[in-house]
Amino acid sequence: MSVTTIPINSASFAATDLCVKCGLCLPHCPTYRLSRDENASPRGRLALMQAVAENKLGFTPALRQHLDQCLGCRRCERVCPAKVPYGRLLDDFRAAMPRRTGLAGLARRVLANTAGRAALAAAARGYARSGWRPVLRRFVPLGLEVLAHQAKAPALQAHYPALGTETARVALFVGCTGAWLDADTLRAAIAVLTRLGAAVALPAGQGCCGALQWHAGDRAAAAPLLENNRRAFAGAEVLVSFASGCGAFLQEQTGAAKKVLDLSRFLLDLAWPAAVALQPLPIKVGLHTPCTLADAAAAAELLCRIPELTLLPLPSQPACCGAAGTYLLEHQDSARRLRDEVVEQIAASGVDCVVTSNVGCAGHLRAGLAARGMAVEVLHPVMLIARSMGWNP
């Protein structure tokens, strides 16, 4: 067994002492639910990090595996009575771990590069059109199946004026996937925002938020991406994101804008023109809450404004759908098992469509539903608001 020493500042991991090993986090940890391995639990991983930081344990491939298998969902933080900053500790430890190449690392580099994204999008479209797809989906990387569900990328403007009286201005974050993996959501967001009196800016130069790289421990790759977006959104009063993972990361990082809000929260707090009336949508909608969406109540409250819409929150377990950025590329079995649990819940609920505020979750769930032969749409909440306004892409 290979044992190595990694450069680590033990003082940076003093917060691991906060963990009292009470185990309240265990029922909320998706990977522990799958394995029942204490090393795959939050308190187990904290103990491993602490032991390495205190030079009581060497860094081994087995230890790396336990830390790599963490989804980074941070569900444990929400129930921790000691308020252990698990997410920050995990990110810091991964930053100290030796870099490793692989499919997930390649995907992160491709997504951060404009030409790479274009090539990946073309490959995914070719796969989606292939008559062999039903057979190939058992052999291709899970990520390719996720990317196969994409709309045509829109031609974008730098500025979209409000329709009628302007009451607000927002800078909309598109990131590395918004214009091709979530193109319909992007169009709907612009349509709804402008209809409600908000002028929308799409700052030139914005790009990948850097969350995938940061959470994988590659801070050297994340830093220029963060700085790029700080420059692009410099001076923006409000940055609005329709991808919860990007929005959560930008909220944690300083300097991107004076205020970073999820799209549902912004729409909920906005003063709507009296002339705007939502039309009935007599459908049953399953609400999926991404791990990265801290303000989950906003999406539910927003959708409840639509007349005749029945909203059904999906069960809280398995807590994570298994997408978790590039996790589904490195840990395909766990990602499928977690996703299939959610798909089973969707099938049992009898909903007409599912809404989620994260592009990665949406793609992962679409792929799972398609593999099961279920024609259930997976949409962002703003898509239903747009449809209720009579918008048609």
Protein backbone atom coordinates (compact mmCIF):
# COMPACT_ATOMS: atom_id res chain seq x y z
CA MET A 1 0.00 0.00 0.00
CA SER A 2 1.34 3.42 -0.98
CA VAL A 3 1.53 5.85 1.96
CA THR A 4 2.52 9.46 1.34
CA THR A 5 2.70 12.70 3.28
CA ILE A 6 0.84 15.72 1.98
CA PRO A 7 1.64 19.36 2.81
CA ILE A 8 -1.07 20.41 5.21
CA ASN A 9 -1.41 23.10 7.85
CA SER A 10 -2.84 21.43 10.93
CA ALA A 11 -4.15 24.78 12.23
CA SER A 12 -6.42 25.01 9.19
CA PHE A 13 -8.16 21.84 10.32
CA ALA A 14 -8.63 22.76 13.97
CA ALA A 15 -12.37 22.97 13.28
CA THR A 16 -12.46 19.17 12.98
CA ASP A 17 -12.34 19.21 16.80
CA LEU A 18 -15.84 20.66 16.78
CA CYS A 19 -17.26 17.30 15.69
CA VAL A 20 -18.57 15.46 18.77
CA LYS A 21 -19.22 12.27 16.78
CA CYS A 22 -22.90 12.35 17.72
CA GLY A 23 -23.98 10.73 14.45
CA LEU A 24 -26.94 13.03 13.77
CA CYS A 25 -25.51 13.54 10.29
CA LEU A 26 -25.56 9.85 9.34
CA PRO A 27 -29.19 9.57 8.14
CA HIS A 28 -28.67 12.65 5.98
CA CYS A 29 -25.48 11.46 4.24
CA PRO A 30 -26.26 9.90 0.83
CA THR A 31 -23.01 7.96 0.54
CA TYR A 32 -23.29 6.54 4.06
CA ARG A 33 -26.83 5.41 3.26
CA LEU A 34 -25.46 3.50 0.27
CA SER A 35 -22.43 1.89 1.92
CA ARG A 36 -23.07 1.86 5.67
CA ASP A 37 -19.32 2.39 5.91
CA GLU A 38 -18.33 4.74 8.75
CA ASN A 39 -15.42 6.00 6.64
CA ALA A 40 -18.02 7.19 4.11
CA SER A 41 -19.88 9.25 6.72
CA PRO A 42 -19.28 12.93 7.57
CA ARG A 43 -17.86 12.16 11.02
CA GLY A 44 -15.70 9.40 9.56
CA ARG A 45 -14.27 11.68 6.90
CA LEU A 46 -13.66 14.40 9.49
CA ALA A 47 -11.77 11.88 11.61
CA LEU A 48 -9.63 10.91 8.61
CA MET A 49 -8.84 14.54 7.79
CA GLN A 50 -8.01 15.26 11.41
CA ALA A 51 -5.70 12.24 11.67
CA VAL A 52 -3.78 13.27 8.54
CA ALA A 53 -3.54 16.90 9.70
CA GLU A 54 -2.11 15.75 13.03
CA ASN A 55 0.36 13.35 11.35
CA LYS A 56 -1.31 10.33 12.92
CA LEU A 57 -2.23 8.84 9.57
CA GLY A 58 -0.55 8.80 6.19
CA PHE A 59 -2.28 9.68 2.95
CA THR A 60 -3.21 6.44 1.16
CA PRO A 61 -5.25 5.51 -1.94
CA ALA A 62 -7.96 4.11 0.36
CA LEU A 63 -8.16 7.38 2.27
CA ARG A 64 -8.38 9.31 -1.00
CA GLN A 65 -11.23 7.07 -2.12
CA HIS A 66 -13.26 7.80 1.00
CA LEU A 67 -12.85 11.55 0.55
CA ASP A 68 -13.36 11.46 -3.23
CA GLN A 69 -16.63 9.58 -2.79
CA CYS A 70 -18.14 12.46 -0.83
CA LEU A 71 -20.72 14.26 -2.98
CA GLY A 72 -20.07 17.57 -1.24
CA CYS A 73 -23.82 18.03 -0.77
CA ARG A 74 -23.28 19.47 2.74
CA ARG A 75 -26.57 18.07 4.00
CA CYS A 76 -24.65 17.19 7.16
CA GLU A 77 -23.97 20.86 7.89
CA ARG A 78 -27.68 21.64 8.08
CA VAL A 79 -28.28 19.19 10.92
CA CYS A 80 -24.97 19.48 12.77
CA PRO A 81 -25.54 20.77 16.34
CA ALA A 82 -21.86 21.75 16.61
CA LYS A 83 -21.94 23.74 13.33
CA VAL A 84 -18.88 21.97 11.91
CA PRO A 85 -17.87 23.71 8.63
CA TYR A 86 -17.67 20.39 6.81
CA GLY A 87 -17.80 21.83 3.28
CA ARG A 88 -14.93 24.24 3.91
CA LEU A 89 -12.82 21.53 5.55
CA LEU A 90 -13.45 19.10 2.68
CA ASP A 91 -12.55 21.74 0.06
CA ASP A 92 -9.37 22.66 1.94
CA PHE A 93 -8.31 19.02 2.30
CA ARG A 94 -8.95 18.25 -1.35
CA ALA A 95 -6.84 21.29 -2.25
CA ALA A 96 -3.93 19.71 -0.33
CA MET A 97 -4.37 16.29 -1.95
CA PRO A 98 -2.14 15.39 -4.93
CA ARG A 99 -3.74 16.20 -8.28
CA ARG A 100 -5.12 13.27 -10.22
CA THR A 101 -6.05 13.14 -13.89
CA GLY A 102 -9.10 11.30 -15.15
CA LEU A 103 -12.40 11.71 -16.96
CA ALA A 104 -13.76 14.15 -14.38
CA GLY A 105 -10.62 16.29 -14.54
CA LEU A 106 -10.82 16.34 -18.34
CA ALA A 107 -14.49 17.37 -18.15
CA ARG A 108 -13.65 20.27 -15.84
CA ARG A 109 -10.98 21.52 -18.22
CA VAL A 110 -13.31 21.21 -21.21
CA LEU A 111 -16.17 23.07 -19.52
CA ALA A 112 -13.86 25.94 -18.63
CA ASN A 113 -12.82 26.33 -22.28
CA THR A 114 -15.11 27.84 -24.95
CA ALA A 115 -13.81 25.70 -27.81
CA GLY A 116 -13.90 22.60 -25.62
CA ARG A 117 -17.53 23.23 -24.71
CA ALA A 118 -18.47 23.61 -28.37
CA ALA A 119 -16.79 20.32 -29.28
CA LEU A 120 -18.42 18.53 -26.35
CA ALA A 121 -21.84 19.91 -27.28
CA ALA A 122 -21.42 18.71 -30.86
CA ALA A 123 -20.39 15.23 -29.69
CA ALA A 124 -23.40 15.04 -27.36
CA ARG A 125 -25.78 16.12 -30.13
CA GLY A 126 -24.35 13.44 -32.42
CA TYR A 127 -24.83 10.83 -29.73
CA ALA A 128 -28.41 12.03 -29.09
CA ARG A 129 -29.30 11.59 -32.79
CA SER A 130 -27.72 8.15 -33.04
CA GLY A 131 -30.08 5.27 -33.63
CA TRP A 132 -27.74 3.17 -31.49
CA ARG A 133 -28.30 5.32 -28.41
CA PRO A 134 -30.64 2.84 -26.63
CA VAL A 135 -27.86 0.25 -26.85
CA LEU A 136 -24.90 2.59 -26.34
CA ARG A 137 -26.25 4.22 -23.17
CA ARG A 138 -25.18 1.11 -21.25
CA PHE A 139 -21.55 1.61 -22.26
CA VAL A 140 -20.91 5.34 -22.70
CA PRO A 141 -19.87 7.55 -19.74
CA LEU A 142 -22.87 8.65 -17.74
CA GLY A 143 -22.01 12.29 -18.43
CA LEU A 144 -22.55 11.88 -22.18
CA GLU A 145 -26.09 10.63 -21.59
CA VAL A 146 -26.71 13.67 -19.38
CA LEU A 147 -25.40 16.04 -22.05
CA ALA A 148 -27.54 14.46 -24.77
CA HIS A 149 -30.61 16.39 -23.62
CA GLN A 150 -29.93 19.89 -24.90
CA ALA A 151 -31.87 22.56 -26.78
CA LYS A 152 -30.47 24.72 -29.57
CA ALA A 153 -28.28 27.47 -28.16
CA PRO A 154 -29.88 30.91 -28.56
CA ALA A 155 -28.33 33.98 -30.18
CA LEU A 156 -27.76 36.27 -27.21
CA GLN A 157 -27.75 40.03 -26.82
CA ALA A 158 -25.73 41.99 -24.29
CA HIS A 159 -28.82 43.80 -23.03
CA TYR A 160 -32.55 43.14 -22.92
CA PRO A 161 -34.71 46.16 -22.03
CA ALA A 162 -37.68 45.84 -19.71
CA LEU A 163 -41.09 45.59 -21.34
CA GLY A 164 -42.98 48.64 -20.15
CA THR A 165 -41.79 50.59 -17.14
CA GLU A 166 -38.36 49.56 -15.89
CA THR A 167 -38.46 48.74 -12.17
CA ALA A 168 -35.25 46.75 -11.73
CA ARG A 169 -31.94 45.90 -13.34
CA VAL A 170 -30.14 42.57 -13.10
CA ALA A 171 -26.98 41.00 -14.41
CA LEU A 172 -27.79 37.43 -15.44
CA PHE A 173 -25.18 34.72 -14.91
CA VAL A 174 -25.05 32.24 -17.80
CA GLY A 175 -21.81 30.45 -16.94
CA CYS A 176 -20.34 27.59 -18.95
CA THR A 177 -23.52 25.56 -19.49
CA GLY A 178 -26.47 27.97 -19.48
CA ALA A 179 -26.49 28.75 -23.19
CA TRP A 180 -26.38 25.13 -24.38
CA LEU A 181 -27.39 22.71 -21.62
CA ASP A 182 -30.08 25.04 -20.26
CA ALA A 183 -30.92 27.18 -23.28
CA ASP A 184 -34.70 27.03 -22.80
CA THR A 185 -34.33 28.11 -19.18
CA LEU A 186 -32.12 31.01 -20.25
CA ARG A 187 -34.68 32.17 -22.80
CA ALA A 188 -37.53 31.79 -20.30
CA ALA A 189 -35.61 33.69 -17.62
CA ILE A 190 -35.04 36.63 -19.95
CA ALA A 191 -38.68 36.58 -21.09
CA VAL A 192 -40.07 36.52 -17.55
CA LEU A 193 -37.65 39.10 -16.14
CA THR A 194 -38.29 41.62 -18.92
CA ARG A 195 -42.06 41.02 -18.78
CA LEU A 196 -41.98 41.87 -15.09
CA GLY A 197 -40.14 45.14 -15.68
CA ALA A 198 -36.53 44.11 -15.14
CA ALA A 199 -33.83 45.12 -17.59
CA VAL A 200 -31.44 42.21 -18.12
CA ALA A 201 -27.71 42.47 -18.82
CA LEU A 202 -25.57 39.55 -19.96
CA PRO A 203 -22.07 40.87 -19.22
CA ALA A 204 -19.47 40.03 -21.85
CA GLY A 205 -16.54 38.00 -20.64
CA GLN A 206 -18.41 35.96 -18.05
CA GLY A 207 -17.79 32.23 -18.04
CA CYS A 208 -17.47 29.12 -15.88
CA CYS A 209 -17.93 30.03 -12.22
CA GLY A 210 -15.10 27.74 -11.10
CA ALA A 211 -17.17 25.72 -8.61
CA LEU A 212 -16.33 22.36 -10.19
CA GLN A 213 -12.61 23.10 -10.03
CA TRP A 214 -12.72 24.57 -6.52
CA HIS A 215 -14.65 21.70 -4.96
CA ALA A 216 -12.32 19.21 -6.65
CA GLY A 217 -9.38 20.92 -4.95
CA ASP A 218 -7.95 22.52 -8.10
CA ARG A 219 -7.72 26.09 -6.87
CA ALA A 220 -5.11 27.00 -9.45
CA ALA A 221 -7.72 26.37 -12.15
CA ALA A 222 -10.58 27.97 -10.18
CA ALA A 223 -8.82 31.24 -9.34
CA PRO A 224 -8.65 32.72 -12.88
CA LEU A 225 -12.27 31.73 -13.51
CA LEU A 226 -13.37 33.53 -10.36
CA GLU A 227 -11.34 36.60 -11.27
CA ASN A 228 -12.78 36.57 -14.79
CA ASN A 229 -16.32 36.74 -13.41
CA ARG A 230 -15.39 39.39 -10.86
CA ARG A 231 -14.27 41.60 -13.73
CA ALA A 232 -17.31 40.77 -15.86
CA PHE A 233 -19.79 41.58 -13.07
CA ALA A 234 -17.86 44.48 -11.52
CA GLY A 235 -20.34 47.16 -10.49
CA ALA A 236 -23.41 44.95 -10.82
CA GLU A 237 -25.94 45.64 -8.07
CA VAL A 238 -27.63 42.26 -8.40
CA LEU A 239 -26.30 39.09 -10.00
CA VAL A 240 -29.05 36.55 -10.69
CA SER A 241 -28.27 32.88 -11.32
CA PHE A 242 -30.63 30.18 -12.58
CA ALA A 243 -28.18 27.36 -11.74
CA SER A 244 -28.16 26.77 -7.98
CA GLY A 245 -24.64 25.31 -7.89
CA CYS A 246 -23.13 28.35 -9.61
CA GLY A 247 -25.22 30.73 -7.53
CA ALA A 248 -24.24 29.10 -4.23
CA PHE A 249 -20.55 29.24 -5.14
CA LEU A 250 -20.70 32.87 -6.27
CA GLN A 251 -22.52 33.78 -3.04
CA GLU A 252 -19.64 32.31 -1.03
CA GLN A 253 -16.99 34.16 -3.02
CA THR A 254 -16.58 37.88 -2.50
CA GLY A 255 -16.48 40.48 -5.25
CA ALA A 256 -18.67 38.93 -7.97
CA ALA A 257 -21.45 41.46 -7.32
CA LYS A 258 -22.96 43.38 -4.41
CA LYS A 259 -25.74 40.79 -4.15
CA VAL A 260 -26.11 37.29 -5.62
CA LEU A 261 -29.62 35.82 -5.75
CA ASP A 262 -31.22 32.68 -7.10
CA LEU A 263 -33.68 33.45 -9.89
CA SER A 264 -36.73 32.17 -7.98
CA ARG A 265 -35.94 34.39 -4.98
CA PHE A 266 -35.45 37.44 -7.19
CA LEU A 267 -38.75 36.85 -9.00
CA LEU A 268 -40.56 36.28 -5.73
CA ASP A 269 -39.31 39.54 -4.21
CA LEU A 270 -39.85 41.60 -7.36
CA ALA A 271 -42.90 43.89 -7.51
CA TRP A 272 -44.95 42.48 -10.38
CA PRO A 273 -46.87 44.83 -12.69
CA ALA A 274 -50.62 44.76 -12.05
CA ALA A 275 -51.22 43.87 -15.69
CA VAL A 276 -49.36 40.55 -15.36
CA ALA A 277 -51.71 37.71 -14.48
CA LEU A 278 -50.63 34.09 -14.48
CA GLN A 279 -52.90 31.73 -16.38
CA PRO A 280 -53.96 28.36 -14.91
CA LEU A 281 -51.78 25.30 -15.44
CA PRO A 282 -53.81 22.28 -14.27
CA ILE A 283 -50.84 19.97 -13.82
CA LYS A 284 -49.20 18.00 -11.02
CA VAL A 285 -45.60 19.07 -10.50
CA GLY A 286 -42.88 17.28 -8.53
CA LEU A 287 -40.49 19.67 -6.79
CA HIS A 288 -36.87 18.49 -6.59
CA THR A 289 -34.65 20.54 -4.29
CA PRO A 290 -30.95 20.55 -5.26
CA CYS A 291 -28.39 20.21 -2.48
CA THR A 292 -26.93 23.58 -3.46
CA LEU A 293 -30.22 25.50 -3.20
CA ALA A 294 -30.23 27.03 0.27
CA ASP A 295 -33.41 29.04 -0.38
CA ALA A 296 -35.61 26.09 -1.30
CA ALA A 297 -38.78 27.80 -0.09
CA ALA A 298 -38.57 30.46 -2.82
CA ALA A 299 -39.08 28.03 -5.70
CA ALA A 300 -42.08 26.42 -4.00
CA GLU A 301 -43.67 29.76 -3.12
CA LEU A 302 -43.15 31.07 -6.63
CA LEU A 303 -44.79 28.05 -8.27
CA CYS A 304 -47.73 28.26 -5.88
CA ARG A 305 -48.67 31.53 -7.57
CA ILE A 306 -49.75 29.59 -10.67
CA PRO A 307 -53.51 28.86 -10.53
CA GLU A 308 -54.57 25.19 -10.56
CA LEU A 309 -51.00 23.91 -10.30
CA THR A 310 -50.55 21.13 -7.75
CA LEU A 311 -47.08 21.11 -6.23
CA LEU A 312 -45.73 17.90 -4.72
CA PRO A 313 -42.29 18.11 -3.03
CA LEU A 314 -40.30 14.92 -3.62
CA PRO A 315 -39.19 12.97 -0.51
CA SER A 316 -36.13 14.29 1.31
CA GLN A 317 -34.26 11.01 0.81
CA PRO A 318 -31.93 10.06 -0.86
CA ALA A 319 -31.02 13.73 -0.18
CA CYS A 320 -28.91 13.98 -3.37
CA CYS A 321 -29.68 12.83 -6.91
CA GLY A 322 -26.04 11.84 -7.44
CA ALA A 323 -25.07 14.37 -10.12
CA ALA A 324 -22.87 16.59 -7.90
CA GLY A 325 -20.95 18.34 -10.66
CA THR A 326 -18.49 15.84 -12.15
CA TYR A 327 -19.13 13.24 -9.43
CA LEU A 328 -21.27 11.24 -11.87
CA LEU A 329 -18.21 10.73 -14.07
CA GLU A 330 -15.94 9.39 -11.32
CA HIS A 331 -18.49 7.41 -9.32
CA GLN A 332 -20.99 6.24 -11.88
CA ASP A 333 -22.42 3.37 -9.84
CA SER A 334 -23.22 5.55 -6.82
CA ALA A 335 -24.54 8.31 -9.07
CA ARG A 336 -26.90 5.89 -10.82
CA ARG A 337 -28.12 4.32 -7.58
CA LEU A 338 -28.95 7.69 -6.06
CA ARG A 339 -30.57 8.93 -9.25
CA ASP A 340 -32.64 5.80 -9.66
CA GLU A 341 -34.06 6.27 -6.16
CA VAL A 342 -35.31 9.70 -7.18
CA VAL A 343 -36.64 8.36 -10.48
CA GLU A 344 -38.58 5.70 -8.55
CA GLN A 345 -40.09 8.44 -6.41
CA ILE A 346 -41.07 10.40 -9.52
CA ALA A 347 -42.67 7.30 -11.04
CA ALA A 348 -44.63 6.59 -7.85
CA SER A 349 -45.83 10.19 -7.53
CA GLY A 350 -47.62 10.30 -10.89
CA VAL A 351 -46.49 13.87 -11.58
CA ASP A 352 -46.74 15.41 -15.04
CA CYS A 353 -43.34 17.09 -14.78
CA VAL A 354 -40.48 17.71 -12.36
CA VAL A 355 -38.91 21.07 -11.55
CA THR A 356 -35.40 21.61 -10.24
CA SER A 357 -33.17 24.68 -9.98
CA ASN A 358 -29.89 23.02 -10.93
CA VAL A 359 -28.81 22.22 -14.48
CA GLY A 360 -26.72 19.22 -13.41
CA CYS A 361 -29.58 17.66 -11.46
CA ALA A 362 -31.93 18.32 -14.37
CA GLY A 363 -29.69 16.57 -16.89
CA HIS A 364 -29.03 13.64 -14.58
CA LEU A 365 -32.74 13.12 -13.87
CA ARG A 366 -33.68 13.47 -17.55
CA ALA A 367 -31.21 10.73 -18.42
CA GLY A 368 -32.62 8.49 -15.70
CA LEU A 369 -36.21 9.07 -16.77
CA ALA A 370 -35.32 8.43 -20.43
CA ALA A 371 -33.56 5.18 -19.52
CA ARG A 372 -36.74 4.08 -17.77
CA GLY A 373 -38.86 5.09 -20.77
CA MET A 374 -40.75 7.81 -18.90
CA ALA A 375 -41.90 10.88 -20.82
CA VAL A 376 -41.74 13.25 -17.84
CA GLU A 377 -40.36 16.73 -18.46
CA VAL A 378 -37.66 18.09 -16.15
CA LEU A 379 -37.78 21.88 -16.06
CA HIS A 380 -36.55 24.90 -14.16
CA PRO A 381 -39.32 26.63 -12.15
CA VAL A 382 -39.08 29.69 -14.39
CA MET A 383 -40.19 27.58 -17.36
CA LEU A 384 -43.60 27.03 -15.75
CA ILE A 385 -43.89 30.71 -14.83
CA ALA A 386 -43.13 31.59 -18.45
CA ARG A 387 -45.69 29.11 -19.77
CA SER A 388 -48.27 30.51 -17.35
CA MET A 389 -47.58 33.94 -18.87
CA GLY A 390 -48.25 32.54 -22.34
CA TRP A 391 -44.60 32.45 -23.41
CA ASN A 392 -43.70 29.95 -26.12
CA PRO A 393 -40.05 29.37 -27.09
